[in-house]
Each structure stands twice: as C-alpha cells, then as structure tokens.
C-alpha cells in the first residue's frame, strides 16, 4: 500500500514563496516518476510539474516555468515543490501523485496517476 502525504501549504502574499513536501510510504518510491497537480475552486484538477524516478528530468506547465521547482530525495522518500514569485492565480489545493508508467515521466492528465495524497491548501493573497 502506498500513502502520499503533502505538507507545507499555507497563506502567503503575492510575490512570496512556499515549499511543499510529499512524503511517501511503501516500497519502491525511487522506482516511480511523480507529479504535482492543483485544483482551484470550481475548476478541474490541473497538472503543475513532473519529475522522473531519478530526479534528472523535470517537466512544468507553462504558467509555473521559471517560478516553481520540482525535486525529490529518494533516500528520504520525499518529493518537493519550491514555489517562488507566487501569484493569486496559484491559489489551489496542491496534490502529489504517483506515475505508474515507467519511461513516461511527463504525463499530465490526472487519470494516468494511480496514487494521490490528500492535498494541501495554498492561498496567495493580492
């Protein structure tokens, strides 16, 4: 059984920074690519960033490129999302998820991920 637990969300002013973490339990975390998604009220869940199993390759949605950085520490079974220059439109619940498809770390649709965390709220005030 795989469990993913996000943390690090909160309230921040526009232009500020937050760092999210996703702690994974269960074996073989380092064997899977991972992703971050977000969902704002009344909107569909959208892709934010993905990282390959070893951390050497990353992929971002255009709206966060240059502001967000995804990373992982396989020794700690943890993935991170460093968010800088935050904007009010970044306000959402942020979820981490596991990508079960080896060799395709850049998947961007939620249904292609098999395990999800419970989410952490990020609110950016203007």
C-alpha atoms as a PDB file:
ATOM      1  CA  UNK A   1       0.000   0.000   0.000  1.00  0.00           C
ATOM      2  CA  UNK A   2       1.285   3.430  -0.962  1.00  0.00           C
ATOM      3  CA  UNK A   3       0.489   6.528   1.038  1.00  0.00           C
ATOM      4  CA  UNK A   4       1.339  10.068  -0.020  1.00  0.00           C
ATOM      5  CA  UNK A   5       1.135  12.934   2.457  1.00  0.00           C
ATOM      6  CA  UNK A   6       1.547  16.555   1.403  1.00  0.00           C
ATOM      7  CA  UNK A   7       2.587  19.344   3.734  1.00  0.00           C
ATOM      8  CA  UNK A   8       3.822  22.911   3.610  1.00  0.00           C
ATOM      9  CA  UNK A   9       0.797  24.746   2.331  1.00  0.00           C
ATOM     10  CA  UNK A  10      -0.394  27.999   3.815  1.00  0.00           C
ATOM     11  CA  UNK A  11      -1.259  31.635   3.253  1.00  0.00           C
ATOM     12  CA  UNK A  12       1.291  33.891   1.573  1.00  0.00           C
ATOM     13  CA  UNK A  13       1.254  37.306  -0.056  1.00  0.00           C
ATOM     14  CA  UNK A  14       1.731  37.692  -3.775  1.00  0.00           C
ATOM     15  CA  UNK A  15       5.416  37.562  -4.633  1.00  0.00           C
ATOM     16  CA  UNK A  16       6.173  35.294  -1.711  1.00  0.00           C
ATOM     17  CA  UNK A  17       7.385  31.708  -1.565  1.00  0.00           C
ATOM     18  CA  UNK A  18       6.257  28.370  -0.198  1.00  0.00           C
ATOM     19  CA  UNK A  19       7.830  24.945  -0.204  1.00  0.00           C
ATOM     20  CA  UNK A  20       5.616  21.880  -0.404  1.00  0.00           C
ATOM     21  CA  UNK A  21       6.664  18.362   0.539  1.00  0.00           C
ATOM     22  CA  UNK A  22       5.192  14.995  -0.379  1.00  0.00           C
ATOM     23  CA  UNK A  23       6.235  12.138   1.892  1.00  0.00           C
ATOM     24  CA  UNK A  24       5.713   8.648   0.526  1.00  0.00           C
ATOM     25  CA  UNK A  25       5.361   5.424   2.441  1.00  0.00           C
ATOM     26  CA  UNK A  26       5.698   1.993   0.977  1.00  0.00           C
ATOM     27  CA  UNK A  27       8.455   0.486  -1.052  1.00  0.00           C
ATOM     28  CA  UNK A  28       9.964   1.482  -4.350  1.00  0.00           C
ATOM     29  CA  UNK A  29       9.350   5.236  -4.202  1.00  0.00           C
ATOM     30  CA  UNK A  30      12.568   5.695  -6.154  1.00  0.00           C
ATOM     31  CA  UNK A  31      11.251   3.495  -8.965  1.00  0.00           C
ATOM     32  CA  UNK A  32       8.426   5.820  -9.944  1.00  0.00           C
ATOM     33  CA  UNK A  33       8.075   9.184 -11.547  1.00  0.00           C
ATOM     34  CA  UNK A  34       5.966  11.616  -9.553  1.00  0.00           C
ATOM     35  CA  UNK A  35       3.875  14.660 -10.215  1.00  0.00           C
ATOM     36  CA  UNK A  36       2.255  17.695  -8.644  1.00  0.00           C
ATOM     37  CA  UNK A  37      -1.256  18.816  -9.541  1.00  0.00           C
ATOM     38  CA  UNK A  38      -3.512  21.572  -8.242  1.00  0.00           C
ATOM     39  CA  UNK A  39      -7.221  22.258  -8.128  1.00  0.00           C
ATOM     40  CA  UNK A  40      -8.793  25.647  -7.609  1.00  0.00           C
ATOM     41  CA  UNK A  41     -12.442  26.016  -6.509  1.00  0.00           C
ATOM     42  CA  UNK A  42     -14.799  25.320  -9.363  1.00  0.00           C
ATOM     43  CA  UNK A  43     -12.025  24.199 -11.675  1.00  0.00           C
ATOM     44  CA  UNK A  44     -10.681  20.877 -12.842  1.00  0.00           C
ATOM     45  CA  UNK A  45      -7.521  19.405 -11.411  1.00  0.00           C
ATOM     46  CA  UNK A  46      -4.561  20.581 -13.469  1.00  0.00           C
ATOM     47  CA  UNK A  47      -1.013  19.433 -13.958  1.00  0.00           C
ATOM     48  CA  UNK A  48       1.755  21.513 -12.396  1.00  0.00           C
ATOM     49  CA  UNK A  49       5.040  19.603 -12.624  1.00  0.00           C
ATOM     50  CA  UNK A  50       6.519  16.128 -13.011  1.00  0.00           C
ATOM     51  CA  UNK A  51       9.841  14.527 -12.160  1.00  0.00           C
ATOM     52  CA  UNK A  52      11.451  11.317 -13.340  1.00  0.00           C
ATOM     53  CA  UNK A  53      12.227   8.458 -10.980  1.00  0.00           C
ATOM     54  CA  UNK A  54      15.842   9.529 -10.516  1.00  0.00           C
ATOM     55  CA  UNK A  55      15.130  13.245 -10.476  1.00  0.00           C
ATOM     56  CA  UNK A  56      17.215  14.001 -13.527  1.00  0.00           C
ATOM     57  CA  UNK A  57      14.324  15.077 -15.732  1.00  0.00           C
ATOM     58  CA  UNK A  58      11.563  17.524 -14.953  1.00  0.00           C
ATOM     59  CA  UNK A  59       8.590  18.983 -16.783  1.00  0.00           C
ATOM     60  CA  UNK A  60       6.411  22.000 -15.967  1.00  0.00           C
ATOM     61  CA  UNK A  61       3.218  23.536 -17.127  1.00  0.00           C
ATOM     62  CA  UNK A  62       3.914  26.857 -18.843  1.00  0.00           C
ATOM     63  CA  UNK A  63       2.293  29.009 -16.166  1.00  0.00           C
ATOM     64  CA  UNK A  64       4.814  27.963 -13.484  1.00  0.00           C
ATOM     65  CA  UNK A  65       8.020  27.700 -15.526  1.00  0.00           C
ATOM     66  CA  UNK A  66      10.768  29.791 -14.001  1.00  0.00           C
ATOM     67  CA  UNK A  67       8.865  30.165 -10.717  1.00  0.00           C
ATOM     68  CA  UNK A  68       8.382  26.597  -9.439  1.00  0.00           C
ATOM     69  CA  UNK A  69      10.989  23.875  -8.990  1.00  0.00           C
ATOM     70  CA  UNK A  70      10.200  20.203  -8.513  1.00  0.00           C
ATOM     71  CA  UNK A  71      12.760  17.948  -6.860  1.00  0.00           C
ATOM     72  CA  UNK A  72      12.992  14.710  -4.929  1.00  0.00           C
ATOM     73  CA  UNK A  73      15.161  12.980  -2.351  1.00  0.00           C
ATOM     74  CA  UNK A  74      14.799   9.229  -2.834  1.00  0.00           C
ATOM     75  CA  UNK A  75      16.761   8.493   0.323  1.00  0.00           C
ATOM     76  CA  UNK A  76      14.014  10.287   2.263  1.00  0.00           C
ATOM     77  CA  UNK A  77      11.111   9.049   0.107  1.00  0.00           C
ATOM     78  CA  UNK A  78      10.127  12.673  -0.360  1.00  0.00           C
ATOM     79  CA  UNK A  79       9.295  14.953  -3.267  1.00  0.00           C
ATOM     80  CA  UNK A  80       9.269  18.735  -3.108  1.00  0.00           C
ATOM     81  CA  UNK A  81       7.788  21.719  -4.895  1.00  0.00           C
ATOM     82  CA  UNK A  82       9.513  25.029  -4.308  1.00  0.00           C
ATOM     83  CA  UNK A  83       7.182  27.842  -5.324  1.00  0.00           C
ATOM     84  CA  UNK A  84       8.549  31.347  -5.770  1.00  0.00           C
ATOM     85  CA  UNK A  85       7.024  34.583  -7.048  1.00  0.00           C
ATOM     86  CA  UNK A  86       3.601  33.303  -6.152  1.00  0.00           C
ATOM     87  CA  UNK A  87       0.534  34.864  -7.752  1.00  0.00           C
ATOM     88  CA  UNK A  88      -3.100  34.926  -6.632  1.00  0.00           C
ATOM     89  CA  UNK A  89      -3.923  32.585  -9.522  1.00  0.00           C
ATOM     90  CA  UNK A  90      -1.690  29.950  -7.913  1.00  0.00           C
ATOM     91  CA  UNK A  91      -4.274  29.607  -5.143  1.00  0.00           C
ATOM     92  CA  UNK A  92      -5.457  25.991  -5.069  1.00  0.00           C
ATOM     93  CA  UNK A  93      -5.253  22.708  -3.255  1.00  0.00           C
ATOM     94  CA  UNK A  94      -1.994  21.062  -4.295  1.00  0.00           C
ATOM     95  CA  UNK A  95      -1.759  17.297  -4.676  1.00  0.00           C
ATOM     96  CA  UNK A  96       1.144  14.934  -5.234  1.00  0.00           C
ATOM     97  CA  UNK A  97       0.631  11.763  -7.203  1.00  0.00           C
ATOM     98  CA  UNK A  98       2.497   8.676  -8.388  1.00  0.00           C
ATOM     99  CA  UNK A  99       3.004   7.938 -12.062  1.00  0.00           C
ATOM    100  CA  UNK A 100       2.913   4.168 -12.666  1.00  0.00           C
ATOM    101  CA  UNK A 101       4.041   4.330 -16.289  1.00  0.00           C
ATOM    102  CA  UNK A 102       7.762   3.802 -16.493  1.00  0.00           C
ATOM    103  CA  UNK A 103       9.530   5.681 -19.230  1.00  0.00           C
ATOM    104  CA  UNK A 104       6.874   8.403 -19.498  1.00  0.00           C
ATOM    105  CA  UNK A 105       7.536  10.739 -16.596  1.00  0.00           C
ATOM    106  CA  UNK A 106       5.938  13.735 -18.328  1.00  0.00           C
ATOM    107  CA  UNK A 107       2.310  12.583 -18.078  1.00  0.00           C
ATOM    108  CA  UNK A 108      -0.042  15.498 -17.470  1.00  0.00           C
ATOM    109  CA  UNK A 109      -3.519  14.038 -17.111  1.00  0.00           C
ATOM    110  CA  UNK A 110      -4.750  13.076 -13.627  1.00  0.00           C
ATOM    111  CA  UNK A 111      -6.274   9.739 -14.634  1.00  0.00           C
ATOM    112  CA  UNK A 112      -2.834   8.425 -15.599  1.00  0.00           C
ATOM    113  CA  UNK A 113      -1.611   8.639 -11.990  1.00  0.00           C
ATOM    114  CA  UNK A 114      -2.504   5.859  -9.600  1.00  0.00           C
ATOM    115  CA  UNK A 115      -1.913   7.096  -6.030  1.00  0.00           C
ATOM    116  CA  UNK A 116      -2.759  10.528  -4.627  1.00  0.00           C
ATOM    117  CA  UNK A 117      -2.215  12.465  -1.458  1.00  0.00           C
ATOM    118  CA  UNK A 118      -4.976  14.275   0.410  1.00  0.00           C
ATOM    119  CA  UNK A 119      -3.810  17.705  -0.723  1.00  0.00           C
ATOM    120  CA  UNK A 120      -2.527  20.843   0.949  1.00  0.00           C
ATOM    121  CA  UNK A 121      -4.091  24.286   0.588  1.00  0.00           C
ATOM    122  CA  UNK A 122      -2.055  27.126  -0.886  1.00  0.00           C
ATOM    123  CA  UNK A 123      -3.599  30.585  -0.719  1.00  0.00           C
ATOM    124  CA  UNK A 124      -1.921  33.605  -2.279  1.00  0.00           C
ATOM    125  CA  UNK A 125      -3.326  36.977  -1.322  1.00  0.00           C
ATOM    126  CA  UNK A 126      -3.055  40.017  -3.560  1.00  0.00           C
END
